[in-house]
């Protein structure tokens, strides 16, 4: 049986729910990057998303950086309290 826990971050930013999963995510799928049609756009790799009962692959895509010097830091699954897995979302670094 899967047990999920939710925690809400207490910050001045909008509250984000953190999902904990007892099952480790599968190994990432190696995707072939298509050629971009938008010069300067950055590849955002695919990742596994938890849908409440299983992991679902979200395909990678190109994204327009918000600033010239912005770089994409990919999201990743980490292991937290009592061995449960949690998703740390990708974000732009300036």
PDB file of N, CA and C in Angstrom:
ATOM      1  N   UNK A   1       0.846  -1.183   0.000  1.00  0.00           N
ATOM      2  CA  UNK A   1       0.000   0.000   0.000  1.00  0.00           C
ATOM      3  C   UNK A   1       0.883   1.234   0.000  1.00  0.00           C
ATOM      4  N   UNK A   2       0.501   2.233  -0.742  1.00  0.00           N
ATOM      5  CA  UNK A   2       1.269   3.466  -0.835  1.00  0.00           C
ATOM      6  C   UNK A   2       0.742   4.464   0.181  1.00  0.00           C
ATOM      7  N   UNK A   3       1.675   5.120   0.821  1.00  0.00           N
ATOM      8  CA  UNK A   3       1.277   6.169   1.763  1.00  0.00           C
ATOM      9  C   UNK A   3       1.884   7.472   1.296  1.00  0.00           C
ATOM     10  N   UNK A   4       1.063   8.485   1.200  1.00  0.00           N
ATOM     11  CA  UNK A   4       1.530   9.789   0.769  1.00  0.00           C
ATOM     12  C   UNK A   4       1.364  10.765   1.909  1.00  0.00           C
ATOM     13  N   UNK A   5       2.316  11.655   2.038  1.00  0.00           N
ATOM     14  CA  UNK A   5       2.210  12.703   3.036  1.00  0.00           C
ATOM     15  C   UNK A   5       2.315  14.041   2.347  1.00  0.00           C
ATOM     16  N   UNK A   6       1.685  15.033   2.871  1.00  0.00           N
ATOM     17  CA  UNK A   6       1.744  16.364   2.292  1.00  0.00           C
ATOM     18  C   UNK A   6       2.253  17.338   3.334  1.00  0.00           C
ATOM     19  N   UNK A   7       3.127  18.217   2.908  1.00  0.00           N
ATOM     20  CA  UNK A   7       3.619  19.269   3.786  1.00  0.00           C
ATOM     21  C   UNK A   7       3.540  20.572   3.011  1.00  0.00           C
ATOM     22  N   UNK A   8       3.157  21.617   3.646  1.00  0.00           N
ATOM     23  CA  UNK A   8       3.058  22.911   2.987  1.00  0.00           C
ATOM     24  C   UNK A   8       4.179  23.790   3.501  1.00  0.00           C
ATOM     25  N   UNK A   9       4.925  24.372   2.569  1.00  0.00           N
ATOM     26  CA  UNK A   9       6.032  25.250   2.931  1.00  0.00           C
ATOM     27  C   UNK A   9       5.490  26.569   3.456  1.00  0.00           C
ATOM     28  N   UNK A  10       6.048  27.028   4.557  1.00  0.00           N
ATOM     29  CA  UNK A  10       5.622  28.305   5.141  1.00  0.00           C
ATOM     30  C   UNK A  10       6.599  29.391   4.708  1.00  0.00           C
ATOM     31  N   UNK A  11       6.263  30.062   3.619  1.00  0.00           N
ATOM     32  CA  UNK A  11       7.099  31.140   3.101  1.00  0.00           C
ATOM     33  C   UNK A  11       6.186  32.272   2.668  1.00  0.00           C
ATOM     34  N   UNK A  12       6.796  33.381   2.255  1.00  0.00           N
ATOM     35  CA  UNK A  12       6.003  34.494   1.756  1.00  0.00           C
ATOM     36  C   UNK A  12       5.539  34.236   0.325  1.00  0.00           C
ATOM     37  N   UNK A  13       6.177  33.258  -0.354  1.00  0.00           N
ATOM     38  CA  UNK A  13       5.763  32.893  -1.705  1.00  0.00           C
ATOM     39  C   UNK A  13       4.494  32.057  -1.608  1.00  0.00           C
ATOM     40  N   UNK A  14       3.812  31.847  -2.743  1.00  0.00           N
ATOM     41  CA  UNK A  14       2.622  31.005  -2.707  1.00  0.00           C
ATOM     42  C   UNK A  14       2.956  29.634  -2.126  1.00  0.00           C
ATOM     43  N   UNK A  15       2.050  29.070  -1.358  1.00  0.00           N
ATOM     44  CA  UNK A  15       2.279  27.774  -0.718  1.00  0.00           C
ATOM     45  C   UNK A  15       2.380  26.683  -1.777  1.00  0.00           C
ATOM     46  N   UNK A  16       3.364  25.825  -1.631  1.00  0.00           N
ATOM     47  CA  UNK A  16       3.555  24.712  -2.539  1.00  0.00           C
ATOM     48  C   UNK A  16       3.436  23.419  -1.746  1.00  0.00           C
ATOM     49  N   UNK A  17       2.630  22.488  -2.207  1.00  0.00           N
ATOM     50  CA  UNK A  17       2.497  21.205  -1.526  1.00  0.00           C
ATOM     51  C   UNK A  17       3.661  20.313  -1.928  1.00  0.00           C
ATOM     52  N   UNK A  18       4.222  19.604  -0.971  1.00  0.00           N
ATOM     53  CA  UNK A  18       5.297  18.659  -1.235  1.00  0.00           C
ATOM     54  C   UNK A  18       4.707  17.265  -1.113  1.00  0.00           C
ATOM     55  N   UNK A  19       4.879  16.447  -2.138  1.00  0.00           N
ATOM     56  CA  UNK A  19       4.366  15.086  -2.132  1.00  0.00           C
ATOM     57  C   UNK A  19       5.494  14.140  -1.781  1.00  0.00           C
ATOM     58  N   UNK A  20       5.225  13.205  -0.881  1.00  0.00           N
ATOM     59  CA  UNK A  20       6.196  12.168  -0.530  1.00  0.00           C
ATOM     60  C   UNK A  20       5.673  10.832  -1.038  1.00  0.00           C
ATOM     61  N   UNK A  21       6.578  10.037  -1.616  1.00  0.00           N
ATOM     62  CA  UNK A  21       6.219   8.759  -2.221  1.00  0.00           C
ATOM     63  C   UNK A  21       7.119   7.682  -1.630  1.00  0.00           C
ATOM     64  N   UNK A  22       6.561   6.525  -1.328  1.00  0.00           N
ATOM     65  CA  UNK A  22       7.348   5.432  -0.748  1.00  0.00           C
ATOM     66  C   UNK A  22       8.062   4.576  -1.789  1.00  0.00           C
ATOM     67  N   UNK A  23       7.759   4.782  -3.051  1.00  0.00           N
ATOM     68  CA  UNK A  23       8.357   3.999  -4.135  1.00  0.00           C
ATOM     69  C   UNK A  23       9.395   4.853  -4.851  1.00  0.00           C
ATOM     70  N   UNK A  24      10.596   4.307  -5.049  1.00  0.00           N
ATOM     71  CA  UNK A  24      11.649   5.044  -5.768  1.00  0.00           C
ATOM     72  C   UNK A  24      11.230   5.259  -7.223  1.00  0.00           C
ATOM     73  N   UNK A  25      11.618   6.395  -7.804  1.00  0.00           N
ATOM     74  CA  UNK A  25      11.289   6.622  -9.223  1.00  0.00           C
ATOM     75  C   UNK A  25      12.128   5.709 -10.112  1.00  0.00           C
ATOM     76  N   UNK A  26      11.607   5.375 -11.297  1.00  0.00           N
ATOM     77  CA  UNK A  26      12.392   4.594 -12.257  1.00  0.00           C
ATOM     78  C   UNK A  26      13.575   5.414 -12.766  1.00  0.00           C
ATOM     79  N   UNK A  27      14.503   4.740 -13.408  1.00  0.00           N
ATOM     80  CA  UNK A  27      15.632   5.447 -14.032  1.00  0.00           C
ATOM     81  C   UNK A  27      15.081   6.369 -15.108  1.00  0.00           C
ATOM     82  N   UNK A  28      15.642   7.584 -15.227  1.00  0.00           N
ATOM     83  CA  UNK A  28      15.158   8.513 -16.258  1.00  0.00           C
ATOM     84  C   UNK A  28      15.293   7.918 -17.661  1.00  0.00           C
ATOM     85  N   UNK A  29      14.382   8.294 -18.514  1.00  0.00           N
ATOM     86  CA  UNK A  29      14.432   7.892 -19.916  1.00  0.00           C
ATOM     87  C   UNK A  29      15.405   8.826 -20.629  1.00  0.00           C
ATOM     88  N   UNK A  30      16.274   8.256 -21.446  1.00  0.00           N
ATOM     89  CA  UNK A  30      17.209   9.078 -22.214  1.00  0.00           C
ATOM     90  C   UNK A  30      16.495   9.504 -23.492  1.00  0.00           C
ATOM     91  N   UNK A  31      16.245  10.797 -23.591  1.00  0.00           N
ATOM     92  CA  UNK A  31      15.537  11.324 -24.754  1.00  0.00           C
ATOM     93  C   UNK A  31      16.521  11.923 -25.751  1.00  0.00           C
ATOM     94  N   UNK A  32      16.201  11.808 -27.024  1.00  0.00           N
ATOM     95  CA  UNK A  32      16.976  12.475 -28.062  1.00  0.00           C
ATOM     96  C   UNK A  32      16.442  13.886 -28.201  1.00  0.00           C
ATOM     97  N   UNK A  33      17.334  14.858 -28.069  1.00  0.00           N
ATOM     98  CA  UNK A  33      16.905  16.256 -28.198  1.00  0.00           C
ATOM     99  C   UNK A  33      16.653  16.593 -29.661  1.00  0.00           C
ATOM    100  N   UNK A  34      15.482  17.075 -29.961  1.00  0.00           N
ATOM    101  CA  UNK A  34      15.261  17.533 -31.334  1.00  0.00           C
ATOM    102  C   UNK A  34      16.019  18.838 -31.568  1.00  0.00           C
ATOM    103  N   UNK A  35      16.226  19.174 -32.800  1.00  0.00           N
ATOM    104  CA  UNK A  35      16.879  20.437 -33.137  1.00  0.00           C
ATOM    105  C   UNK A  35      15.905  21.564 -32.816  1.00  0.00           C
ATOM    106  N   UNK A  36      16.388  22.584 -32.124  1.00  0.00           N
ATOM    107  CA  UNK A  36      15.509  23.689 -31.758  1.00  0.00           C
ATOM    108  C   UNK A  36      15.230  24.588 -32.962  1.00  0.00           C
ATOM    109  N   UNK A  37      14.042  25.110 -33.004  1.00  0.00           N
ATOM    110  CA  UNK A  37      13.682  26.072 -34.054  1.00  0.00           C
ATOM    111  C   UNK A  37      13.761  27.493 -33.496  1.00  0.00           C
ATOM    112  N   UNK A  38      14.159  27.621 -32.215  1.00  0.00           N
ATOM    113  CA  UNK A  38      14.246  28.918 -31.545  1.00  0.00           C
ATOM    114  C   UNK A  38      15.660  29.127 -31.002  1.00  0.00           C
ATOM    115  N   UNK A  39      16.513  29.832 -31.716  1.00  0.00           N
ATOM    116  CA  UNK A  39      17.862  30.078 -31.218  1.00  0.00           C
ATOM    117  C   UNK A  39      17.830  30.725 -29.827  1.00  0.00           C
ATOM    118  N   UNK A  40      18.692  30.242 -28.932  1.00  0.00           N
ATOM    119  CA  UNK A  40      18.763  30.789 -27.585  1.00  0.00           C
ATOM    120  C   UNK A  40      17.881  30.078 -26.581  1.00  0.00           C
ATOM    121  N   UNK A  41      16.968  29.233 -27.053  1.00  0.00           N
ATOM    122  CA  UNK A  41      16.129  28.492 -26.121  1.00  0.00           C
ATOM    123  C   UNK A  41      16.937  27.356 -25.507  1.00  0.00           C
ATOM    124  N   UNK A  42      16.518  26.893 -24.342  1.00  0.00           N
ATOM    125  CA  UNK A  42      17.264  25.910 -23.551  1.00  0.00           C
ATOM    126  C   UNK A  42      16.461  24.613 -23.434  1.00  0.00           C
ATOM    127  N   UNK A  43      17.167  23.483 -23.506  1.00  0.00           N
ATOM    128  CA  UNK A  43      16.511  22.191 -23.362  1.00  0.00           C
ATOM    129  C   UNK A  43      16.204  21.940 -21.885  1.00  0.00           C
ATOM    130  N   UNK A  44      14.949  21.633 -21.590  1.00  0.00           N
ATOM    131  CA  UNK A  44      14.505  21.254 -20.246  1.00  0.00           C
ATOM    132  C   UNK A  44      14.255  19.747 -20.320  1.00  0.00           C
ATOM    133  N   UNK A  45      15.099  18.945 -19.651  1.00  0.00           N
ATOM    134  CA  UNK A  45      14.967  17.494 -19.781  1.00  0.00           C
ATOM    135  C   UNK A  45      13.669  16.947 -19.210  1.00  0.00           C
ATOM    136  N   UNK A  46      13.284  15.779 -19.700  1.00  0.00           N
ATOM    137  CA  UNK A  46      12.100  15.106 -19.197  1.00  0.00           C
ATOM    138  C   UNK A  46      12.327  14.584 -17.781  1.00  0.00           C
ATOM    139  N   UNK A  47      11.235  14.203 -17.132  1.00  0.00           N
ATOM    140  CA  UNK A  47      11.309  13.720 -15.752  1.00  0.00           C
ATOM    141  C   UNK A  47      10.072  12.884 -15.433  1.00  0.00           C
ATOM    142  N   UNK A  48      10.164  12.135 -14.350  1.00  0.00           N
ATOM    143  CA  UNK A  48       9.007  11.382 -13.884  1.00  0.00           C
ATOM    144  C   UNK A  48       8.202  12.220 -12.905  1.00  0.00           C
ATOM    145  N   UNK A  49       6.881  12.244 -13.121  1.00  0.00           N
ATOM    146  CA  UNK A  49       5.935  12.933 -12.243  1.00  0.00           C
ATOM    147  C   UNK A  49       5.110  11.853 -11.547  1.00  0.00           C
ATOM    148  N   UNK A  50       4.793  12.081 -10.289  1.00  0.00           N
ATOM    149  CA  UNK A  50       3.930  11.164  -9.541  1.00  0.00           C
ATOM    150  C   UNK A  50       2.487  11.599  -9.746  1.00  0.00           C
ATOM    151  N   UNK A  51       1.619  10.674 -10.197  1.00  0.00           N
ATOM    152  CA  UNK A  51       0.222  11.048 -10.465  1.00  0.00           C
ATOM    153  C   UNK A  51      -0.733  10.612  -9.353  1.00  0.00           C
ATOM    154  N   UNK A  52      -0.191  10.170  -8.225  1.00  0.00           N
ATOM    155  CA  UNK A  52      -1.022   9.728  -7.117  1.00  0.00           C
ATOM    156  C   UNK A  52      -1.033   8.226  -6.947  1.00  0.00           C
ATOM    157  N   UNK A  53      -0.682   7.507  -8.028  1.00  0.00           N
ATOM    158  CA  UNK A  53      -0.634   6.049  -7.931  1.00  0.00           C
ATOM    159  C   UNK A  53       0.565   5.441  -8.658  1.00  0.00           C
ATOM    160  N   UNK A  54       1.193   6.201  -9.553  1.00  0.00           N
ATOM    161  CA  UNK A  54       2.359   5.697 -10.275  1.00  0.00           C
ATOM    162  C   UNK A  54       3.140   6.869 -10.873  1.00  0.00           C
ATOM    163  N   UNK A  55       4.336   6.548 -11.362  1.00  0.00           N
ATOM    164  CA  UNK A  55       5.163   7.558 -12.027  1.00  0.00           C
ATOM    165  C   UNK A  55       4.776   7.643 -13.499  1.00  0.00           C
ATOM    166  N   UNK A  56       4.725   8.851 -14.016  1.00  0.00           N
ATOM    167  CA  UNK A  56       4.383   9.104 -15.419  1.00  0.00           C
ATOM    168  C   UNK A  56       5.490   9.968 -16.006  1.00  0.00           C
ATOM    169  N   UNK A  57       5.994   9.597 -17.170  1.00  0.00           N
ATOM    170  CA  UNK A  57       7.063  10.348 -17.809  1.00  0.00           C
ATOM    171  C   UNK A  57       6.525  11.625 -18.450  1.00  0.00           C
ATOM    172  N   UNK A  58       7.192  12.754 -18.170  1.00  0.00           N
ATOM    173  CA  UNK A  58       6.887  14.043 -18.790  1.00  0.00           C
ATOM    174  C   UNK A  58       8.033  14.324 -19.750  1.00  0.00           C
ATOM    175  N   UNK A  59       7.740  14.454 -21.027  1.00  0.00           N
ATOM    176  CA  UNK A  59       8.780  14.621 -22.047  1.00  0.00           C
ATOM    177  C   UNK A  59       9.497  15.969 -21.915  1.00  0.00           C
ATOM    178  N   UNK A  60      10.764  15.962 -22.273  1.00  0.00           N
ATOM    179  CA  UNK A  60      11.545  17.196 -22.282  1.00  0.00           C
ATOM    180  C   UNK A  60      11.045  18.136 -23.370  1.00  0.00           C
ATOM    181  N   UNK A  61      11.449  19.403 -23.254  1.00  0.00           N
ATOM    182  CA  UNK A  61      11.029  20.417 -24.223  1.00  0.00           C
ATOM    183  C   UNK A  61      12.003  21.595 -24.174  1.00  0.00           C
ATOM    184  N   UNK A  62      11.923  22.432 -25.162  1.00  0.00           N
ATOM    185  CA  UNK A  62      12.719  23.664 -25.167  1.00  0.00           C
ATOM    186  C   UNK A  62      11.933  24.777 -24.493  1.00  0.00           C
ATOM    187  N   UNK A  63      12.649  25.635 -23.764  1.00  0.00           N
ATOM    188  CA  UNK A  63      12.008  26.755 -23.079  1.00  0.00           C
ATOM    189  C   UNK A  63      12.802  28.028 -23.328  1.00  0.00           C
ATOM    190  N   UNK A  64      12.101  29.134 -23.350  1.00  0.00           N
ATOM    191  CA  UNK A  64      12.718  30.443 -23.545  1.00  0.00           C
ATOM    192  C   UNK A  64      13.196  30.967 -22.186  1.00  0.00           C
ATOM    193  N   UNK A  65      14.512  31.136 -21.993  1.00  0.00           N
ATOM    194  CA  UNK A  65      14.998  31.643 -20.699  1.00  0.00           C
ATOM    195  C   UNK A  65      14.418  33.016 -20.398  1.00  0.00           C
ATOM    196  N   UNK A  66      14.126  33.290 -19.120  1.00  0.00           N
ATOM    197  CA  UNK A  66      13.557  34.587 -18.754  1.00  0.00           C
ATOM    198  C   UNK A  66      14.561  35.733 -18.859  1.00  0.00           C
ATOM    199  N   UNK A  67      15.865  35.393 -18.822  1.00  0.00           N
ATOM    200  CA  UNK A  67      16.930  36.388 -18.940  1.00  0.00           C
ATOM    201  C   UNK A  67      18.074  35.798 -19.752  1.00  0.00           C
ATOM    202  N   UNK A  68      18.898  36.645 -20.321  1.00  0.00           N
ATOM    203  CA  UNK A  68      20.010  36.200 -21.163  1.00  0.00           C
ATOM    204  C   UNK A  68      20.949  35.249 -20.441  1.00  0.00           C
ATOM    205  N   UNK A  69      21.271  35.513 -19.180  1.00  0.00           N
ATOM    206  CA  UNK A  69      22.234  34.691 -18.448  1.00  0.00           C
ATOM    207  C   UNK A  69      21.593  33.583 -17.622  1.00  0.00           C
ATOM    208  N   UNK A  70      20.313  33.344 -17.788  1.00  0.00           N
ATOM    209  CA  UNK A  70      19.633  32.311 -17.000  1.00  0.00           C
ATOM    210  C   UNK A  70      20.017  30.924 -17.506  1.00  0.00           C
ATOM    211  N   UNK A  71      20.218  29.995 -16.566  1.00  0.00           N
ATOM    212  CA  UNK A  71      20.465  28.598 -16.908  1.00  0.00           C
ATOM    213  C   UNK A  71      19.407  27.744 -16.216  1.00  0.00           C
ATOM    214  N   UNK A  72      19.051  26.639 -16.835  1.00  0.00           N
ATOM    215  CA  UNK A  72      18.045  25.756 -16.276  1.00  0.00           C
ATOM    216  C   UNK A  72      18.702  24.749 -15.340  1.00  0.00           C
ATOM    217  N   UNK A  73      18.190  24.645 -14.128  1.00  0.00           N
ATOM    218  CA  UNK A  73      18.618  23.639 -13.160  1.00  0.00           C
ATOM    219  C   UNK A  73      17.524  22.573 -13.160  1.00  0.00           C
ATOM    220  N   UNK A  74      17.826  21.359 -13.672  1.00  0.00           N
ATOM    221  CA  UNK A  74      16.786  20.337 -13.781  1.00  0.00           C
ATOM    222  C   UNK A  74      16.231  19.910 -12.425  1.00  0.00           C
ATOM    223  N   UNK A  75      14.958  19.548 -12.415  1.00  0.00           N
ATOM    224  CA  UNK A  75      14.346  18.988 -11.218  1.00  0.00           C
ATOM    225  C   UNK A  75      14.892  17.592 -10.975  1.00  0.00           C
ATOM    226  N   UNK A  76      14.698  17.103  -9.768  1.00  0.00           N
ATOM    227  CA  UNK A  76      15.156  15.747  -9.446  1.00  0.00           C
ATOM    228  C   UNK A  76      14.397  15.188  -8.254  1.00  0.00           C
ATOM    229  N   UNK A  77      14.380  13.873  -8.175  1.00  0.00           N
ATOM    230  CA  UNK A  77      13.801  13.182  -7.032  1.00  0.00           C
ATOM    231  C   UNK A  77      14.880  13.020  -5.980  1.00  0.00           C
ATOM    232  N   UNK A  78      14.537  13.331  -4.741  1.00  0.00           N
ATOM    233  CA  UNK A  78      15.451  13.154  -3.621  1.00  0.00           C
ATOM    234  C   UNK A  78      14.822  12.227  -2.601  1.00  0.00           C
ATOM    235  N   UNK A  79      15.658  11.694  -1.730  1.00  0.00           N
ATOM    236  CA  UNK A  79      15.145  10.819  -0.688  1.00  0.00           C
ATOM    237  C   UNK A  79      15.177  11.567   0.629  1.00  0.00           C
ATOM    238  N   UNK A  80      14.054  11.592   1.304  1.00  0.00           N
ATOM    239  CA  UNK A  80      13.922  12.386   2.513  1.00  0.00           C
ATOM    240  C   UNK A  80      13.637  11.564   3.749  1.00  0.00           C
ATOM    241  N   UNK A  81      12.836  12.121   4.648  1.00  0.00           N
ATOM    242  CA  UNK A  81      12.536  11.490   5.928  1.00  0.00           C
ATOM    243  C   UNK A  81      12.011  10.059   5.779  1.00  0.00           C
ATOM    244  N   UNK A  82      12.553   9.185   6.564  1.00  0.00           N
ATOM    245  CA  UNK A  82      12.120   7.773   6.594  1.00  0.00           C
ATOM    246  C   UNK A  82      12.198   7.097   5.226  1.00  0.00           C
ATOM    247  N   UNK A  83      13.138   7.554   4.379  1.00  0.00           N
ATOM    248  CA  UNK A  83      13.355   6.928   3.081  1.00  0.00           C
ATOM    249  C   UNK A  83      12.353   7.268   2.012  1.00  0.00           C
ATOM    250  N   UNK A  84      11.428   8.178   2.296  1.00  0.00           N
ATOM    251  CA  UNK A  84      10.422   8.537   1.292  1.00  0.00           C
ATOM    252  C   UNK A  84      11.047   9.441   0.227  1.00  0.00           C
ATOM    253  N   UNK A  85      10.496   9.393  -0.973  1.00  0.00           N
ATOM    254  CA  UNK A  85      10.988  10.169  -2.112  1.00  0.00           C
ATOM    255  C   UNK A  85      10.159  11.431  -2.282  1.00  0.00           C
ATOM    256  N   UNK A  86      10.817  12.519  -2.695  1.00  0.00           N
ATOM    257  CA  UNK A  86      10.116  13.780  -2.934  1.00  0.00           C
ATOM    258  C   UNK A  86      10.698  14.435  -4.184  1.00  0.00           C
ATOM    259  N   UNK A  87       9.880  15.243  -4.851  1.00  0.00           N
ATOM    260  CA  UNK A  87      10.285  15.927  -6.080  1.00  0.00           C
ATOM    261  C   UNK A  87      10.754  17.337  -5.755  1.00  0.00           C
ATOM    262  N   UNK A  88      11.934  17.677  -6.249  1.00  0.00           N
ATOM    263  CA  UNK A  88      12.455  19.038  -6.149  1.00  0.00           C
ATOM    264  C   UNK A  88      12.370  19.609  -7.562  1.00  0.00           C
ATOM    265  N   UNK A  89      11.489  20.569  -7.768  1.00  0.00           N
ATOM    266  CA  UNK A  89      11.199  21.095  -9.098  1.00  0.00           C
ATOM    267  C   UNK A  89      12.393  21.816  -9.711  1.00  0.00           C
ATOM    268  N   UNK A  90      12.488  21.760 -11.034  1.00  0.00           N
ATOM    269  CA  UNK A  90      13.506  22.498 -11.759  1.00  0.00           C
ATOM    270  C   UNK A  90      13.225  23.994 -11.676  1.00  0.00           C
ATOM    271  N   UNK A  91      14.268  24.790 -11.910  1.00  0.00           N
ATOM    272  CA  UNK A  91      14.099  26.244 -11.820  1.00  0.00           C
ATOM    273  C   UNK A  91      15.201  26.941 -12.615  1.00  0.00           C
ATOM    274  N   UNK A  92      14.979  28.216 -12.870  1.00  0.00           N
ATOM    275  CA  UNK A  92      15.974  29.036 -13.550  1.00  0.00           C
ATOM    276  C   UNK A  92      16.951  29.616 -12.529  1.00  0.00           C
ATOM    277  N   UNK A  93      18.228  29.540 -12.854  1.00  0.00           N
ATOM    278  CA  UNK A  93      19.265  30.153 -12.006  1.00  0.00           C
ATOM    279  C   UNK A  93      19.814  31.340 -12.779  1.00  0.00           C
ATOM    280  N   UNK A  94      20.022  32.456 -12.052  1.00  0.00           N
ATOM    281  CA  UNK A  94      20.487  33.687 -12.683  1.00  0.00           C
ATOM    282  C   UNK A  94      21.927  33.965 -12.356  1.00  0.00           C
TER     283      UNK A  94
END
